[in-house]
PDB file of N, CA and C in Angstrom:
ATOM      1  N   MET A   1      -9.595 -13.029  12.032  1.00  0.00           N
ATOM      2  CA  MET A   1      -8.179 -12.849  11.911  1.00  0.00           C
ATOM      3  C   MET A   1      -7.909 -12.097  10.608  1.00  0.00           C
ATOM      4  N   ALA A   2      -6.984 -11.195  10.637  1.00  0.00           N
ATOM      5  CA  ALA A   2      -6.649 -10.388   9.475  1.00  0.00           C
ATOM      6  C   ALA A   2      -5.825 -11.201   8.490  1.00  0.00           C
ATOM      7  N   ALA A   3      -6.129 -11.002   7.191  1.00  0.00           N
ATOM      8  CA  ALA A   3      -5.343 -11.665   6.153  1.00  0.00           C
ATOM      9  C   ALA A   3      -4.005 -10.957   6.042  1.00  0.00           C
ATOM     10  N   GLY A   4      -2.973 -11.714   5.855  1.00  0.00           N
ATOM     11  CA  GLY A   4      -1.666 -11.105   5.731  1.00  0.00           C
ATOM     12  C   GLY A   4      -0.634 -12.090   5.261  1.00  0.00           C
ATOM     13  N   GLY A   5       0.540 -11.562   4.998  1.00  0.00           N
ATOM     14  CA  GLY A   5       1.625 -12.402   4.561  1.00  0.00           C
ATOM     15  C   GLY A   5       2.890 -11.583   4.445  1.00  0.00           C
ATOM     16  N   PHE A   6       3.957 -12.235   4.020  1.00  0.00           N
ATOM     17  CA  PHE A   6       5.234 -11.552   3.917  1.00  0.00           C
ATOM     18  C   PHE A   6       5.996 -12.104   2.724  1.00  0.00           C
ATOM     19  N   CYS A   7       7.017 -11.365   2.331  1.00  0.00           N
ATOM     20  CA  CYS A   7       7.903 -11.781   1.252  1.00  0.00           C
ATOM     21  C   CYS A   7       9.314 -11.387   1.638  1.00  0.00           C
ATOM     22  N   LYS A   8      10.225 -12.346   1.632  1.00  0.00           N
ATOM     23  CA  LYS A   8      11.621 -12.061   1.944  1.00  0.00           C
ATOM     24  C   LYS A   8      12.328 -11.634   0.666  1.00  0.00           C
ATOM     25  N   LEU A   9      13.017 -10.522   0.721  1.00  0.00           N
ATOM     26  CA  LEU A   9      13.713  -9.972  -0.433  1.00  0.00           C
ATOM     27  C   LEU A   9      15.138 -10.514  -0.519  1.00  0.00           C
ATOM     28  N   PRO A  10      15.774 -10.425  -1.687  1.00  0.00           N
ATOM     29  CA  PRO A  10      17.136 -10.950  -1.833  1.00  0.00           C
ATOM     30  C   PRO A  10      18.160 -10.331  -0.885  1.00  0.00           C
ATOM     31  N   ASN A  11      17.943  -9.083  -0.465  1.00  0.00           N
ATOM     32  CA  ASN A  11      18.906  -8.450   0.443  1.00  0.00           C
ATOM     33  C   ASN A  11      18.679  -8.817   1.909  1.00  0.00           C
ATOM     34  N   GLY A  12      17.707  -9.692   2.190  1.00  0.00           N
ATOM     35  CA  GLY A  12      17.463 -10.148   3.549  1.00  0.00           C
ATOM     36  C   GLY A  12      16.338  -9.433   4.266  1.00  0.00           C
ATOM     37  N   THR A  13      15.875  -8.302   3.755  1.00  0.00           N
ATOM     38  CA  THR A  13      14.760  -7.591   4.383  1.00  0.00           C
ATOM     39  C   THR A  13      13.451  -8.250   3.981  1.00  0.00           C
ATOM     40  N   VAL A  14      12.365  -7.867   4.640  1.00  0.00           N
ATOM     41  CA  VAL A  14      11.055  -8.420   4.338  1.00  0.00           C
ATOM     42  C   VAL A  14      10.055  -7.299   4.082  1.00  0.00           C
ATOM     43  N   VAL A  15       9.025  -7.636   3.327  1.00  0.00           N
ATOM     44  CA  VAL A  15       7.864  -6.770   3.153  1.00  0.00           C
ATOM     45  C   VAL A  15       6.683  -7.542   3.721  1.00  0.00           C
ATOM     46  N   VAL A  16       6.005  -6.938   4.688  1.00  0.00           N
ATOM     47  CA  VAL A  16       4.847  -7.550   5.318  1.00  0.00           C
ATOM     48  C   VAL A  16       3.608  -6.811   4.845  1.00  0.00           C
ATOM     49  N   ALA A  17       2.592  -7.556   4.434  1.00  0.00           N
ATOM     50  CA  ALA A  17       1.321  -6.989   3.994  1.00  0.00           C
ATOM     51  C   ALA A  17       0.213  -7.555   4.871  1.00  0.00           C
ATOM     52  N   MET A  18      -0.669  -6.675   5.352  1.00  0.00           N
ATOM     53  CA  MET A  18      -1.757  -7.120   6.227  1.00  0.00           C
ATOM     54  C   MET A  18      -3.025  -6.355   5.924  1.00  0.00           C
ATOM     55  N   ASN A  19      -4.165  -7.040   5.995  1.00  0.00           N
ATOM     56  CA  ASN A  19      -5.464  -6.388   5.957  1.00  0.00           C
ATOM     57  C   ASN A  19      -5.893  -6.184   7.399  1.00  0.00           C
ATOM     58  N   LEU A  20      -6.160  -4.944   7.761  1.00  0.00           N
ATOM     59  CA  LEU A  20      -6.522  -4.617   9.135  1.00  0.00           C
ATOM     60  C   LEU A  20      -7.813  -3.818   9.157  1.00  0.00           C
ATOM     61  N   PRO A  21      -8.560  -3.895  10.252  1.00  0.00           N
ATOM     62  CA  PRO A  21      -9.708  -2.996  10.374  1.00  0.00           C
ATOM     63  C   PRO A  21      -9.208  -1.560  10.467  1.00  0.00           C
ATOM     64  N   SER A  22      -9.981  -0.653   9.944  1.00  0.00           N
ATOM     65  CA  SER A  22      -9.580   0.752   9.957  1.00  0.00           C
ATOM     66  C   SER A  22      -9.498   1.270  11.379  1.00  0.00           C
ATOM     67  N   PRO A  23      -8.509   2.133  11.680  1.00  0.00           N
ATOM     68  CA  PRO A  23      -8.458   2.746  13.007  1.00  0.00           C
ATOM     69  C   PRO A  23      -9.681   3.610  13.288  1.00  0.00           C
ATOM     70  N   ALA A  24     -10.311   4.151  12.244  1.00  0.00           N
ATOM     71  CA  ALA A  24     -11.561   4.886  12.423  1.00  0.00           C
ATOM     72  C   ALA A  24     -12.665   3.867  12.707  1.00  0.00           C
ATOM     73  N   ALA A  25     -13.564   4.207  13.597  1.00  0.00           N
ATOM     74  CA  ALA A  25     -14.582   3.256  14.035  1.00  0.00           C
ATOM     75  C   ALA A  25     -15.462   2.760  12.888  1.00  0.00           C
ATOM     76  N   ASP A  26     -15.807   3.614  11.959  1.00  0.00           N
ATOM     77  CA  ASP A  26     -16.730   3.232  10.897  1.00  0.00           C
ATOM     78  C   ASP A  26     -16.066   3.129   9.530  1.00  0.00           C
ATOM     79  N   GLY A  27     -14.752   3.132   9.490  1.00  0.00           N
ATOM     80  CA  GLY A  27     -14.030   3.110   8.221  1.00  0.00           C
ATOM     81  C   GLY A  27     -13.919   1.709   7.634  1.00  0.00           C
ATOM     82  N   PRO A  28     -13.604   1.621   6.346  1.00  0.00           N
ATOM     83  CA  PRO A  28     -13.407   0.313   5.713  1.00  0.00           C
ATOM     84  C   PRO A  28     -12.069  -0.293   6.114  1.00  0.00           C
ATOM     85  N   ALA A  29     -11.905  -1.571   5.845  1.00  0.00           N
ATOM     86  CA  ALA A  29     -10.646  -2.249   6.138  1.00  0.00           C
ATOM     87  C   ALA A  29      -9.545  -1.655   5.260  1.00  0.00           C
ATOM     88  N   VAL A  30      -8.312  -1.739   5.753  1.00  0.00           N
ATOM     89  CA  VAL A  30      -7.177  -1.177   5.016  1.00  0.00           C
ATOM     90  C   VAL A  30      -6.123  -2.257   4.796  1.00  0.00           C
ATOM     91  N   ARG A  31      -5.364  -2.101   3.728  1.00  0.00           N
ATOM     92  CA  ARG A  31      -4.222  -2.976   3.429  1.00  0.00           C
ATOM     93  C   ARG A  31      -2.977  -2.179   3.763  1.00  0.00           C
ATOM     94  N   VAL A  32      -2.181  -2.674   4.684  1.00  0.00           N
ATOM     95  CA  VAL A  32      -0.986  -1.980   5.160  1.00  0.00           C
ATOM     96  C   VAL A  32       0.241  -2.763   4.703  1.00  0.00           C
ATOM     97  N   LEU A  33       1.248  -2.033   4.192  1.00  0.00           N
ATOM     98  CA  LEU A  33       2.515  -2.637   3.789  1.00  0.00           C
ATOM     99  C   LEU A  33       3.637  -2.053   4.619  1.00  0.00           C
ATOM    100  N   VAL A  34       4.531  -2.909   5.105  1.00  0.00           N
ATOM    101  CA  VAL A  34       5.655  -2.478   5.939  1.00  0.00           C
ATOM    102  C   VAL A  34       6.927  -3.111   5.401  1.00  0.00           C
ATOM    103  N   HIS A  35       7.960  -2.295   5.240  1.00  0.00           N
ATOM    104  CA  HIS A  35       9.284  -2.785   4.851  1.00  0.00           C
ATOM    105  C   HIS A  35      10.168  -2.704   6.089  1.00  0.00           C
ATOM    106  N   ALA A  36      10.797  -3.817   6.474  1.00  0.00           N
ATOM    107  CA  ALA A  36      11.627  -3.843   7.686  1.00  0.00           C
ATOM    108  C   ALA A  36      12.709  -4.907   7.550  1.00  0.00           C
ATOM    109  N   GLN A  37      13.591  -4.963   8.550  1.00  0.00           N
ATOM    110  CA  GLN A  37      14.691  -5.924   8.557  1.00  0.00           C
ATOM    111  C   GLN A  37      14.194  -7.362   8.720  1.00  0.00           C
ATOM    112  N   ASN A  38      13.118  -7.541   9.491  1.00  0.00           N
ATOM    113  CA  ASN A  38      12.539  -8.871   9.666  1.00  0.00           C
ATOM    114  C   ASN A  38      11.068  -8.719  10.045  1.00  0.00           C
ATOM    115  N   ARG A  39      10.346  -9.848  10.123  1.00  0.00           N
ATOM    116  CA  ARG A  39       8.907  -9.792  10.407  1.00  0.00           C
ATOM    117  C   ARG A  39       8.622  -9.190  11.773  1.00  0.00           C
ATOM    118  N   ALA A  40       9.408  -9.528  12.759  1.00  0.00           N
ATOM    119  CA  ALA A  40       9.176  -9.000  14.106  1.00  0.00           C
ATOM    120  C   ALA A  40       9.291  -7.476  14.129  1.00  0.00           C
ATOM    121  N   ARG A  41      10.288  -6.939  13.459  1.00  0.00           N
ATOM    122  CA  ARG A  41      10.446  -5.479  13.421  1.00  0.00           C
ATOM    123  C   ARG A  41       9.318  -4.809  12.650  1.00  0.00           C
ATOM    124  N   ALA A  42       8.824  -5.461  11.615  1.00  0.00           N
ATOM    125  CA  ALA A  42       7.698  -4.906  10.862  1.00  0.00           C
ATOM    126  C   ALA A  42       6.465  -4.794  11.753  1.00  0.00           C
ATOM    127  N   LEU A  43       6.190  -5.836  12.515  1.00  0.00           N
ATOM    128  CA  LEU A  43       5.037  -5.807  13.411  1.00  0.00           C
ATOM    129  C   LEU A  43       5.255  -4.808  14.542  1.00  0.00           C
ATOM    130  N   THR A  44       6.484  -4.665  15.011  1.00  0.00           N
ATOM    131  CA  THR A  44       6.787  -3.678  16.048  1.00  0.00           C
ATOM    132  C   THR A  44       6.544  -2.267  15.538  1.00  0.00           C
ATOM    133  N   ARG A  45       6.901  -2.007  14.283  1.00  0.00           N
ATOM    134  CA  ARG A  45       6.651  -0.678  13.714  1.00  0.00           C
ATOM    135  C   ARG A  45       5.163  -0.349  13.742  1.00  0.00           C
ATOM    136  N   LEU A  46       4.306  -1.328  13.415  1.00  0.00           N
ATOM    137  CA  LEU A  46       2.863  -1.099  13.449  1.00  0.00           C
ATOM    138  C   LEU A  46       2.365  -0.915  14.876  1.00  0.00           C
ATOM    139  N   ARG A  47       2.870  -1.717  15.791  1.00  0.00           N
ATOM    140  CA  ARG A  47       2.435  -1.605  17.187  1.00  0.00           C
ATOM    141  C   ARG A  47       2.852  -0.271  17.789  1.00  0.00           C
ATOM    142  N   ASN A  48       4.012   0.238  17.405  1.00  0.00           N
ATOM    143  CA  ASN A  48       4.456   1.537  17.910  1.00  0.00           C
ATOM    144  C   ASN A  48       3.603   2.688  17.402  1.00  0.00           C
ATOM    145  N   LEU A  49       2.884   2.463  16.322  1.00  0.00           N
ATOM    146  CA  LEU A  49       1.987   3.489  15.789  1.00  0.00           C
ATOM    147  C   LEU A  49       0.604   3.433  16.426  1.00  0.00           C
ATOM    148  N   GLY A  50       0.379   2.491  17.318  1.00  0.00           N
ATOM    149  CA  GLY A  50      -0.900   2.404  18.005  1.00  0.00           C
ATOM    150  C   GLY A  50      -1.766   1.255  17.537  1.00  0.00           C
ATOM    151  N   LEU A  51      -1.335   0.485  16.567  1.00  0.00           N
ATOM    152  CA  LEU A  51      -2.091  -0.676  16.102  1.00  0.00           C
ATOM    153  C   LEU A  51      -1.631  -1.873  16.933  1.00  0.00           C
ATOM    154  N   ARG A  52      -2.155  -1.980  18.133  1.00  0.00           N
ATOM    155  CA  ARG A  52      -1.619  -2.899  19.138  1.00  0.00           C
ATOM    156  C   ARG A  52      -1.875  -4.372  18.840  1.00  0.00           C
ATOM    157  N   ALA A  53      -3.050  -4.725  18.417  1.00  0.00           N
ATOM    158  CA  ALA A  53      -3.386  -6.137  18.236  1.00  0.00           C
ATOM    159  C   ALA A  53      -3.068  -6.592  16.816  1.00  0.00           C
ATOM    160  N   VAL A  54      -1.814  -6.519  16.423  1.00  0.00           N
ATOM    161  CA  VAL A  54      -1.382  -6.894  15.088  1.00  0.00           C
ATOM    162  C   VAL A  54      -0.528  -8.145  15.186  1.00  0.00           C
ATOM    163  N   TYR A  55      -1.005  -9.211  14.551  1.00  0.00           N
ATOM    164  CA  TYR A  55      -0.274 -10.471  14.544  1.00  0.00           C
ATOM    165  C   TYR A  55      -0.247 -11.011  13.128  1.00  0.00           C
ATOM    166  N   LEU A  56       0.814 -11.668  12.765  1.00  0.00           N
ATOM    167  CA  LEU A  56       0.943 -12.278  11.450  1.00  0.00           C
ATOM    168  C   LEU A  56       1.011 -13.785  11.655  1.00  0.00           C
ATOM    169  N   ARG A  57      -0.050 -14.447  11.249  1.00  0.00           N
ATOM    170  CA  ARG A  57      -0.104 -15.899  11.385  1.00  0.00           C
ATOM    171  C   ARG A  57      -0.271 -16.494   9.996  1.00  0.00           C
ATOM    172  N   GLY A  58       0.736 -17.131   9.533  1.00  0.00           N
ATOM    173  CA  GLY A  58       0.684 -17.747   8.220  1.00  0.00           C
ATOM    174  C   GLY A  58       1.101 -16.775   7.122  1.00  0.00           C
ATOM    175  N   ASN A  59       0.916 -17.225   5.901  1.00  0.00           N
ATOM    176  CA  ASN A  59       1.306 -16.435   4.745  1.00  0.00           C
ATOM    177  C   ASN A  59       0.212 -16.534   3.686  1.00  0.00           C
ATOM    178  N   ALA A  60      -1.042 -16.340   4.105  1.00  0.00           N
ATOM    179  CA  ALA A  60      -2.193 -16.523   3.228  1.00  0.00           C
ATOM    180  C   ALA A  60      -2.316 -15.432   2.171  1.00  0.00           C
ATOM    181  N   ALA A  61      -1.897 -14.215   2.470  1.00  0.00           N
ATOM    182  CA  ALA A  61      -2.040 -13.099   1.526  1.00  0.00           C
ATOM    183  C   ALA A  61      -0.734 -12.319   1.435  1.00  0.00           C
ATOM    184  N   PRO A  62       0.291 -12.902   0.816  1.00  0.00           N
ATOM    185  CA  PRO A  62       1.568 -12.199   0.711  1.00  0.00           C
ATOM    186  C   PRO A  62       1.445 -10.993  -0.206  1.00  0.00           C
ATOM    187  N   PRO A  63       2.371 -10.051  -0.118  1.00  0.00           N
ATOM    188  CA  PRO A  63       2.301  -8.872  -0.981  1.00  0.00           C
ATOM    189  C   PRO A  63       2.568  -9.238  -2.438  1.00  0.00           C
ATOM    190  N   SER A  64       1.859  -8.568  -3.330  1.00  0.00           N
ATOM    191  CA  SER A  64       2.074  -8.786  -4.754  1.00  0.00           C
ATOM    192  C   SER A  64       3.337  -8.045  -5.187  1.00  0.00           C
ATOM    193  N   PRO A  65       3.881  -8.351  -6.358  1.00  0.00           N
ATOM    194  CA  PRO A  65       5.062  -7.616  -6.834  1.00  0.00           C
ATOM    195  C   PRO A  65       4.830  -6.101  -6.931  1.00  0.00           C
ATOM    196  N   ASP A  66       3.622  -5.695  -7.310  1.00  0.00           N
ATOM    197  CA  ASP A  66       3.316  -4.266  -7.380  1.00  0.00           C
ATOM    198  C   ASP A  66       3.322  -3.626  -5.988  1.00  0.00           C
ATOM    199  N   GLU A  67       2.828  -4.356  -4.994  1.00  0.00           N
ATOM    200  CA  GLU A  67       2.839  -3.836  -3.628  1.00  0.00           C
ATOM    201  C   GLU A  67       4.268  -3.723  -3.102  1.00  0.00           C
ATOM    202  N   ILE A  68       5.092  -4.694  -3.419  1.00  0.00           N
ATOM    203  CA  ILE A  68       6.490  -4.650  -2.977  1.00  0.00           C
ATOM    204  C   ILE A  68       7.192  -3.446  -3.584  1.00  0.00           C
ATOM    205  N   THR A  69       6.969  -3.214  -4.865  1.00  0.00           N
ATOM    206  CA  THR A  69       7.568  -2.059  -5.528  1.00  0.00           C
ATOM    207  C   THR A  69       7.106  -0.759  -4.890  1.00  0.00           C
ATOM    208  N   ALA A  70       5.823  -0.672  -4.573  1.00  0.00           N
ATOM    209  CA  ALA A  70       5.281   0.558  -3.977  1.00  0.00           C
ATOM    210  C   ALA A  70       5.929   0.857  -2.630  1.00  0.00           C
ATOM    211  N   VAL A  71       6.049  -0.133  -1.757  1.00  0.00           N
ATOM    212  CA  VAL A  71       6.604   0.119  -0.424  1.00  0.00           C
ATOM    213  C   VAL A  71       8.110   0.364  -0.483  1.00  0.00           C
ATOM    214  N   LEU A  72       8.809  -0.265  -1.427  1.00  0.00           N
ATOM    215  CA  LEU A  72      10.248  -0.030  -1.533  1.00  0.00           C
ATOM    216  C   LEU A  72      10.559   1.374  -2.039  1.00  0.00           C
ATOM    217  N   HIS A  73       9.659   1.959  -2.806  1.00  0.00           N
ATOM    218  CA  HIS A  73       9.893   3.300  -3.335  1.00  0.00           C
ATOM    219  C   HIS A  73       9.388   4.404  -2.421  1.00  0.00           C
ATOM    220  N   HIS A  74       8.771   4.048  -1.313  1.00  0.00           N
ATOM    221  CA  HIS A  74       8.297   5.062  -0.371  1.00  0.00           C
ATOM    222  C   HIS A  74       9.382   5.309   0.670  1.00  0.00           C
ATOM    223  N   PRO A  75       9.687   6.583   0.984  1.00  0.00           N
ATOM    224  CA  PRO A  75      10.784   6.857   1.924  1.00  0.00           C
ATOM    225  C   PRO A  75      10.570   6.287   3.330  1.00  0.00           C
ATOM    226  N   ASP A  76       9.327   6.213   3.796  1.00  0.00           N
ATOM    227  CA  ASP A  76       9.071   5.690   5.144  1.00  0.00           C
ATOM    228  C   ASP A  76       9.020   4.167   5.180  1.00  0.00           C
ATOM    229  N   GLY A  77       8.716   3.540   4.060  1.00  0.00           N
ATOM    230  CA  GLY A  77       8.591   2.092   4.037  1.00  0.00           C
ATOM    231  C   GLY A  77       7.358   1.592   4.760  1.00  0.00           C
ATOM    232  N   LEU A  78       6.333   2.438   4.851  1.00  0.00           N
ATOM    233  CA  LEU A  78       5.111   2.090   5.569  1.00  0.00           C
ATOM    234  C   LEU A  78       3.952   2.806   4.898  1.00  0.00           C
ATOM    235  N   ILE A  79       3.127   2.077   4.144  1.00  0.00           N
ATOM    236  CA  ILE A  79       2.049   2.690   3.371  1.00  0.00           C
ATOM    237  C   ILE A  79       0.761   1.898   3.539  1.00  0.00           C
ATOM    238  N   TRP A  80      -0.359   2.485   3.075  1.00  0.00           N
ATOM    239  CA  TRP A  80      -1.666   1.835   3.197  1.00  0.00           C
ATOM    240  C   TRP A  80      -2.591   2.301   2.084  1.00  0.00           C
ATOM    241  N   ARG A  81      -3.658   1.554   1.883  1.00  0.00           N
ATOM    242  CA  ARG A  81      -4.803   1.951   1.058  1.00  0.00           C
ATOM    243  C   ARG A  81      -5.972   1.059   1.442  1.00  0.00           C
ATOM    244  N   THR A  82      -7.158   1.418   0.989  1.00  0.00           N
ATOM    245  CA  THR A  82      -8.352   0.659   1.330  1.00  0.00           C
ATOM    246  C   THR A  82      -8.245  -0.748   0.766  1.00  0.00           C
ATOM    247  N   ALA A  83      -8.572  -1.724   1.584  1.00  0.00           N
ATOM    248  CA  ALA A  83      -8.515  -3.127   1.151  1.00  0.00           C
ATOM    249  C   ALA A  83      -9.701  -3.431   0.251  1.00  0.00           C
ATOM    250  N   PRO A  84      -9.511  -4.311  -0.729  1.00  0.00           N
ATOM    251  CA  PRO A  84     -10.633  -4.713  -1.572  1.00  0.00           C
ATOM    252  C   PRO A  84     -11.678  -5.455  -0.743  1.00  0.00           C
ATOM    253  N   ASP A  85     -12.944  -5.367  -1.154  1.00  0.00           N
ATOM    254  CA  ASP A  85     -14.040  -5.971  -0.384  1.00  0.00           C
ATOM    255  C   ASP A  85     -13.947  -7.487  -0.298  1.00  0.00           C
ATOM    256  N   GLY A  86     -13.566  -8.128  -1.360  1.00  0.00           N
ATOM    257  CA  GLY A  86     -13.547  -9.581  -1.385  1.00  0.00           C
ATOM    258  C   GLY A  86     -12.268 -10.176  -0.845  1.00  0.00           C
ATOM    259  N   GLY A  87     -11.469  -9.406  -0.137  1.00  0.00           N
ATOM    260  CA  GLY A  87     -10.200  -9.901   0.342  1.00  0.00           C
ATOM    261  C   GLY A  87      -9.127  -9.653  -0.706  1.00  0.00           C
ATOM    262  N   VAL A  88      -7.953 -10.111  -0.439  1.00  0.00           N
ATOM    263  CA  VAL A  88      -6.840  -9.878  -1.334  1.00  0.00           C
ATOM    264  C   VAL A  88      -6.730 -11.035  -2.308  1.00  0.00           C
ATOM    265  N   VAL A  89      -6.759 -10.714  -3.571  1.00  0.00           N
ATOM    266  CA  VAL A  89      -6.563 -11.710  -4.601  1.00  0.00           C
ATOM    267  C   VAL A  89      -5.171 -11.478  -5.174  1.00  0.00           C
ATOM    268  N   PRO A  90      -4.242 -12.414  -5.009  1.00  0.00           N
ATOM    269  CA  PRO A  90      -2.893 -12.198  -5.528  1.00  0.00           C
ATOM    270  C   PRO A  90      -2.925 -11.880  -7.010  1.00  0.00           C
ATOM    271  N   GLY A  91      -2.219 -10.834  -7.393  1.00  0.00           N
ATOM    272  CA  GLY A  91      -2.161 -10.420  -8.784  1.00  0.00           C
ATOM    273  C   GLY A  91      -3.331  -9.570  -9.226  1.00  0.00           C
ATOM    274  N   ALA A  92      -4.243  -9.235  -8.306  1.00  0.00           N
ATOM    275  CA  ALA A  92      -5.400  -8.425  -8.694  1.00  0.00           C
ATOM    276  C   ALA A  92      -4.957  -7.014  -9.029  1.00  0.00           C
ATOM    277  N   ASP A  93      -5.658  -6.396  -9.968  1.00  0.00           N
ATOM    278  CA  ASP A  93      -5.334  -5.030 -10.366  1.00  0.00           C
ATOM    279  C   ASP A  93      -6.091  -4.075  -9.454  1.00  0.00           C
ATOM    280  N   LEU A  94      -5.369  -3.429  -8.558  1.00  0.00           N
ATOM    281  CA  LEU A  94      -5.979  -2.521  -7.594  1.00  0.00           C
ATOM    282  C   LEU A  94      -5.523  -1.087  -7.835  1.00  0.00           C
ATOM    283  N   THR A  95      -5.387  -0.696  -9.087  1.00  0.00           N
ATOM    284  CA  THR A  95      -4.805   0.601  -9.405  1.00  0.00           C
ATOM    285  C   THR A  95      -5.776   1.757  -9.245  1.00  0.00           C
ATOM    286  N   GLN A  96      -6.999   1.515  -8.826  1.00  0.00           N
ATOM    287  CA  GLN A  96      -7.956   2.596  -8.702  1.00  0.00           C
ATOM    288  C   GLN A  96      -7.627   3.524  -7.538  1.00  0.00           C
ATOM    289  N   GLU A  97      -6.962   3.042  -6.544  1.00  0.00           N
ATOM    290  CA  GLU A  97      -6.622   3.872  -5.382  1.00  0.00           C
ATOM    291  C   GLU A  97      -5.109   3.884  -5.199  1.00  0.00           C
ATOM    292  N   LEU A  98      -4.576   5.056  -4.907  1.00  0.00           N
ATOM    293  CA  LEU A  98      -3.141   5.197  -4.717  1.00  0.00           C
ATOM    294  C   LEU A  98      -2.742   4.845  -3.292  1.00  0.00           C
ATOM    295  N   TRP A  99      -1.498   4.441  -3.120  1.00  0.00           N
ATOM    296  CA  TRP A  99      -0.956   4.179  -1.795  1.00  0.00           C
ATOM    297  C   TRP A  99      -0.722   5.504  -1.095  1.00  0.00           C
ATOM    298  N   GLN A 100      -0.949   5.521   0.206  1.00  0.00           N
ATOM    299  CA  GLN A 100      -0.800   6.736   0.997  1.00  0.00           C
ATOM    300  C   GLN A 100       0.140   6.462   2.170  1.00  0.00           C
ATOM    301  N   PRO A 101       0.835   7.507   2.649  1.00  0.00           N
ATOM    302  CA  PRO A 101       1.689   7.305   3.823  1.00  0.00           C
ATOM    303  C   PRO A 101       0.843   7.004   5.052  1.00  0.00           C
ATOM    304  N   ILE A 102       1.418   6.305   5.993  1.00  0.00           N
ATOM    305  CA  ILE A 102       0.679   5.892   7.192  1.00  0.00           C
ATOM    306  C   ILE A 102       0.188   7.083   8.002  1.00  0.00           C
ATOM    307  N   ARG A 103       0.877   8.217   7.908  1.00  0.00           N
ATOM    308  CA  ARG A 103       0.443   9.417   8.640  1.00  0.00           C
ATOM    309  C   ARG A 103      -0.972   9.828   8.251  1.00  0.00           C
ATOM    310  N   ALA A 104      -1.354   9.612   6.984  1.00  0.00           N
ATOM    311  CA  ALA A 104      -2.695   9.977   6.528  1.00  0.00           C
ATOM    312  C   ALA A 104      -3.760   9.101   7.185  1.00  0.00           C
ATOM    313  N   LEU A 105      -3.421   7.871   7.517  1.00  0.00           N
ATOM    314  CA  LEU A 105      -4.374   6.963   8.149  1.00  0.00           C
ATOM    315  C   LEU A 105      -4.533   7.267   9.631  1.00  0.00           C
ATOM    316  N   LEU A 106      -3.439   7.582  10.277  1.00  0.00           N
ATOM    317  CA  LEU A 106      -3.454   7.768  11.727  1.00  0.00           C
ATOM    318  C   LEU A 106      -3.652   9.216  12.151  1.00  0.00           C
ATOM    319  N   ARG A 107      -3.832  10.100  11.185  1.00  0.00           N
ATOM    320  CA  ARG A 107      -4.001  11.522  11.493  1.00  0.00           C
ATOM    321  C   ARG A 107      -5.262  11.716  12.331  1.00  0.00           C
ATOM    322  N   ARG A 108      -5.103  12.410  13.402  1.00  0.00           N
ATOM    323  CA  ARG A 108      -6.244  12.706  14.266  1.00  0.00           C
ATOM    324  C   ARG A 108      -6.803  14.070  13.877  1.00  0.00           C
ATOM    325  N   PRO A 109      -8.110  14.274  14.051  1.00  0.00           N
ATOM    326  CA  PRO A 109      -8.654  15.584  13.733  1.00  0.00           C
ATOM    327  C   PRO A 109      -8.002  16.659  14.592  1.00  0.00           C
ATOM    328  N   ALA A 110      -7.851  17.836  14.000  1.00  0.00           N
ATOM    329  CA  ALA A 110      -7.215  18.945  14.722  1.00  0.00           C
ATOM    330  C   ALA A 110      -8.043  19.313  15.945  1.00  0.00           C
ATOM    331  N   GLN A 111      -7.362  19.539  17.042  1.00  0.00           N
ATOM    332  CA  GLN A 111      -8.066  19.914  18.263  1.00  0.00           C
ATOM    333  C   GLN A 111      -8.498  21.369  18.163  1.00  0.00           C
ATOM    334  N   GLN A 112      -9.683  21.624  18.679  1.00  0.00           N
ATOM    335  CA  GLN A 112     -10.204  22.986  18.671  1.00  0.00           C
ATOM    336  C   GLN A 112      -9.504  23.796  19.747  1.00  0.00           C
ATOM    337  N   PRO A 113      -9.045  25.023  19.419  1.00  0.00           N
ATOM    338  CA  PRO A 113      -8.394  25.836  20.441  1.00  0.00           C
ATOM    339  C   PRO A 113      -9.391  26.258  21.513  1.00  0.00           C
ATOM    340  N   GLN A 114      -8.900  26.328  22.729  1.00  0.00           N
ATOM    341  CA  GLN A 114      -9.734  26.755  23.841  1.00  0.00           C
ATOM    342  C   GLN A 114      -9.948  28.259  23.753  1.00  0.00           C
ATOM    343  N   PRO A 115     -11.172  28.716  23.990  1.00  0.00           N
ATOM    344  CA  PRO A 115     -11.421  30.160  23.920  1.00  0.00           C
ATOM    345  C   PRO A 115     -10.657  30.890  25.024  1.00  0.00           C
ATOM    346  N   GLN A 116     -10.060  32.000  24.661  1.00  0.00           N
ATOM    347  CA  GLN A 116      -9.321  32.814  25.619  1.00  0.00           C
ATOM    348  C   GLN A 116     -10.264  33.884  26.169  1.00  0.00           C
ATOM    349  N   GLY A 117     -10.343  33.973  27.432  1.00  0.00           N
ATOM    350  CA  GLY A 117     -11.232  34.955  28.053  1.00  0.00           C
ATOM    351  C   GLY A 117     -10.933  35.064  29.529  1.00  0.00           C
ATOM    352  N   ARG A 118     -11.755  35.837  30.182  1.00  0.00           N
ATOM    353  CA  ARG A 118     -11.586  35.986  31.617  1.00  0.00           C
ATOM    354  C   ARG A 118     -12.081  34.743  32.331  1.00  0.00           C
ATOM    355  N   PRO A 119     -11.472  34.407  33.468  1.00  0.00           N
ATOM    356  CA  PRO A 119     -11.983  33.285  34.256  1.00  0.00           C
ATOM    357  C   PRO A 119     -13.352  33.639  34.820  1.00  0.00           C
ATOM    358  N   ALA A 120     -14.131  32.634  35.138  1.00  0.00           N
ATOM    359  CA  ALA A 120     -15.469  32.855  35.690  1.00  0.00           C
ATOM    360  C   ALA A 120     -15.383  33.634  36.985  1.00  0.00           C
ATOM    361  N   ALA A 121     -16.440  34.400  37.270  1.00  0.00           N
ATOM    362  CA  ALA A 121     -16.476  35.232  38.480  1.00  0.00           C
ATOM    363  C   ALA A 121     -16.380  34.334  39.712  1.00  0.00           C
ATOM    364  N   GLY A 122     -15.603  34.782  40.681  1.00  0.00           N
ATOM    365  CA  GLY A 122     -15.470  34.052  41.939  1.00  0.00           C
ATOM    366  C   GLY A 122     -14.375  32.994  41.888  1.00  0.00           C
ATOM    367  N   ARG A 123     -13.799  32.779  40.762  1.00  0.00           N
ATOM    368  CA  ARG A 123     -12.723  31.789  40.652  1.00  0.00           C
ATOM    369  C   ARG A 123     -11.462  32.469  40.176  1.00  0.00           C
ATOM    370  N   VAL A 124     -10.397  32.119  40.812  1.00  0.00           N
ATOM    371  CA  VAL A 124      -9.117  32.734  40.424  1.00  0.00           C
ATOM    372  C   VAL A 124      -8.139  31.671  40.086  1.00  0.00           C
TER     373      VAL A 124
END
């Protein structure tokens, strides 16, 4: 089960933080932060991006104050970075890697253009 948690802000919105396996088959685990109106909408935002098996059970690894600040200052309200190996330690200094927009995580390799040429002989 992925470590995760949430924090309710004074204005009623929530920030959800989750450690998830990387969408790339051989990639490291990632820490994803989502800012939304409530927990259900935060999880829906992740599911709409293709991360289908995302569930938040409990509040074992809530977002740190630095993580909350990072997601609130991002225009999309949805960011990620590589998760630490030993799991999330509240208050840990993880400044070695910057937060990135979710598009960078879900970006698919560019498709190769099909060669333009004549159709094979005998086929029209």
